[in-house]
Structures are given as C-alpha cells and as structure tokens.
Amino acid sequence: MLGHLSPKQFLLELFLLYLPAIVLSFFFGSLFLWLFIATLLLLLWHYRQLYRLSRWIWIDHNFYPPEGKSSWLPIFHGLHRMRIEQRKERNRLLDFIRYFRKGAEAMPDATILCDKEGRLNWCNPQAEAMLKLRWPQDERQSIFNLIRTPEIVEYFKAGNYEEPFLLQLDQRELECRFYYPYIENNLLIIARDVTDREVAERTRQTFFANVNHELRVPLTVIKGYVEMLQSNLPESEHESFEAKALDRIEEQAERLHSLVIQLMALTRLETGAKWDRAEIVPLSQLAEEMLNDYYQQHPQSRDYITAEITPNLEVIGSHDQLKQVILNLFYNAIEHNPPQTPIHLLLTKVDNGSEQGEILFQLSDRGKGIPPMHLHKLTERFYRVDSSRNREQSGGSGLGLAIVKHALNNHESQLEISSEVGKGSCFSFRLKAHVSEM
C-alpha cells in the first residue's frame, strides 16, 4: 500500500543514485565531477516531475494524475487521493446547498440571504413575489435600494432584532424577522404575509369594542328596572317566586356588566398606548391594601393566605393596569381552587445585574394544578381549562389572565406560569424597580 516517503527510503534512493557516480570515479577519477553530474541529472528529473504536476493541476482536465516514479509516486498518489476526497466533499456540499435551496424555495415565507451590509446574496421565489426582488439579476444589490422603505433601513441600523418589523408594501403587511449573524456574519431575513391576520385582529378588536358599547345601554336599563321592581315589592313577598326571579335577573345582569367592563379594559389594553401617563406605582402598598381588604371580608383567610411583602417597592408605569394585574392574579388563585387552598404571595426585590434591580411578584398555591397542555393557552381571552365546567360555579369570565398578559406587555414584562397537577400552580412576573432619589 502506498504511503508517505520515509527517511529510510529517501536515503536509499540517494545512495542508489550516487552509487554509479562513485563507481565511475574509481575508473576515471574526478569524484566531484561525477557527483555534480548525478546531482544535475537528479535536479533535472525533479524539475520534470514538477512540470508534469503543475500541468496536471492547472492545464490538464484529467482526473487521474500522471504516472509517478520513485519518490514522486507516493506524492502523485496522495494528491490523487486528496482530489477524490475533495470531490466527495464538494458533492456533499453541493447536495446540501441544493437541499437547502429546495427547502427554502418550498417555504411559504420570503427568504432572503444578505451580507452584513445588506447586499443580496440569494432569495427564494416567494421573496421575488412579495418584495419584487429578482434573482439572480439583483445579486449583490443593496436590498434597501430594492425595498425603498426608510423604516426598514432604520430597523436594520438599530441592530435590535428581537421584535419583528412590520413592513407595509402594496396594501399588504409583511412581518419581517432579521437573524444576524447567520453563517459567517451574513444576514437572514424571513418575511411572512400577515395581512389577513392583521385584518382579522383589527376586525375582532372592533367587534368587541362595538359589543361593549352596545351592551352597556341595555344592561343599564335592565338593572334600573330590576331595582325599581325590587323596591316596589311588599315585605310579605320578599321570599316569593317573583322576588327570587328578580334577584336572579339582578345577579346575571351584574355578571354581564362585569364582563362588559373587563372586555372594555381588555380592548383598551390591546388597542391603546402603554398608558396615559407614567407614574410611580407603590407596588408594595397595592399588594398590602388588596390583602387587607380581603382579610377584612374573610377573616378566616389569614390561616391559609400568607404573604411576604418587602415594603416600599415602586415601579414606573400605570397604577390602574398594575392594580388590575395583582387583583386578577390574586382572585384567579382563589376562584379556581377549592376553598381554603393554601396561597402564598411573594413580593420582593431581586438582583438582575442592573443598578436598580428588579421586582419579583410571585403568587403560588397548593391547589389542584393545571395540565401542561393548557398552560400556553391560559392567557387567551375566554379560554377555560375545563370548558364543561359551570361558569357560575367556577367563577371568572376567562378574561382575567388575558388582561394580565396585555397589561404586563405594556410594562415590558410577561407572565410566567408553572404548574403541576395535584401540587399547585405558580404565577409570576418581573418589573424594573424604581429607585427614589434621596
């Protein structure tokens, strides 16, 4: 089997080359002359082999190298083996690129690959259709000259690609996500047509806003007539069927009124700005007031509802929204667990590496828990873990956690939920702490 030339083989070849020169010098003298001639012949022979090698590499298109002899045989053989391995590797890479391109071309989203300056390296047919790019005609052209939207240039230069960029183009809305660095400082852009989704979302929000408005007036009328009829009932008829029916109507009207209020709050959170006015919110005080109010109404609850609240914790945000968050999480834990389920509220400051730190709000219970399949859907409006349960028995409207989600989004936070069936649940969020100036 051919391999590399060992020092022993090299010395043996040199000995066999110079041996005739030494023998001839015994007969004709002039040892150095014969050694010079042998060296010159060796040099010419090596130059000839180098010429053959150079021609094979740069001129000939033959896959197989020229036939090598002596010490050049393992060199030619090694180069031939390297070329075989390179061809295999090249074919493997070509297959990979072909599979990648076929997969990218089959994607419903526009896929664009650029260098770090935004020059187009490749795009799929969906990018040509959605963004009017041309491949390969637009190769190495700046996509910001091809997509003439100043906002996308600002988004690219900002370098913060955590949130997608919404591009409006030809009466369509495209959700663009930038991934950088991607394969040696390249930029990958994925654009998805979300026109239908955005239209549906706006239609949904408009519908709920209209429903809220249209329900408030008839509800007010119903509640007014019920109160009038109740006040006109004689004391002797307070236990009559009519009195119980009026109480039932009042109860359901109040329930529907509460639902309308929650829908209005959720609609404002979804369609409005973060908050009307930023203010210092005393989070510790909010939590303590909520607990004290509940303790006054339910004195026995002190035995199973406990709290650890660090005093004087403050954040910047909306007082009303954060109050809704705390109340919804607290009453959600009470209403969706058996009576006297142990509940613990933790409000403290934690270190996150920044100067001001973070405030951690955590509400945990030792109730029945929530199956894992439901956790990611809990913040959807009207979503219920058990749709077969009687709403009156379970309490709540299915909007509380949706309100919490949007309110926390407005405060650049998010609700974290963990639960284990039979052991309980934990709802928590973090907010940037506000440090009062002394």
Foldseek 3Di string as FASTA:
>chain_A
DFDAQDPVLVVVVVCVLLVVLCVVCVVVNDSVVSVVVSVVVVVVVVVVVVVQVVCVVPPDPDLQGPCDDRNCRSVSVVVSVVSVVVVVVVVVVVVVVVVVLVVQQPDLWKKFKFALQQFGQDIHVNCCVPQVDDPPVRGRPHVCVSRVDVVVVVVSVVVDQPAWDWDQDPNWTWTWGWDPPDDPRMIMIIIDTCRVVVVVVVVVLVVLVVVLVVPVVVLVVLLVVLVVVLVPDDPVCCVPPVNVVSVVSNVVSVVVNVVSVLSVLLSCLVPHALDPDKDKAQLLVLLVVVVVVVCVVPVVLPVQEEEDGDGRWIAIGDNVLVSLLNVLVVVLQCLQFPPSWRKYWYWDFDADPDPQGKIKTKIKTFGQKADPVCVVVQLPAQDDRDPPDDCVNSDDRSHSSVSNQSNVVSQVKGWDKDIDGNGIIMIMMMHGTDDDDD
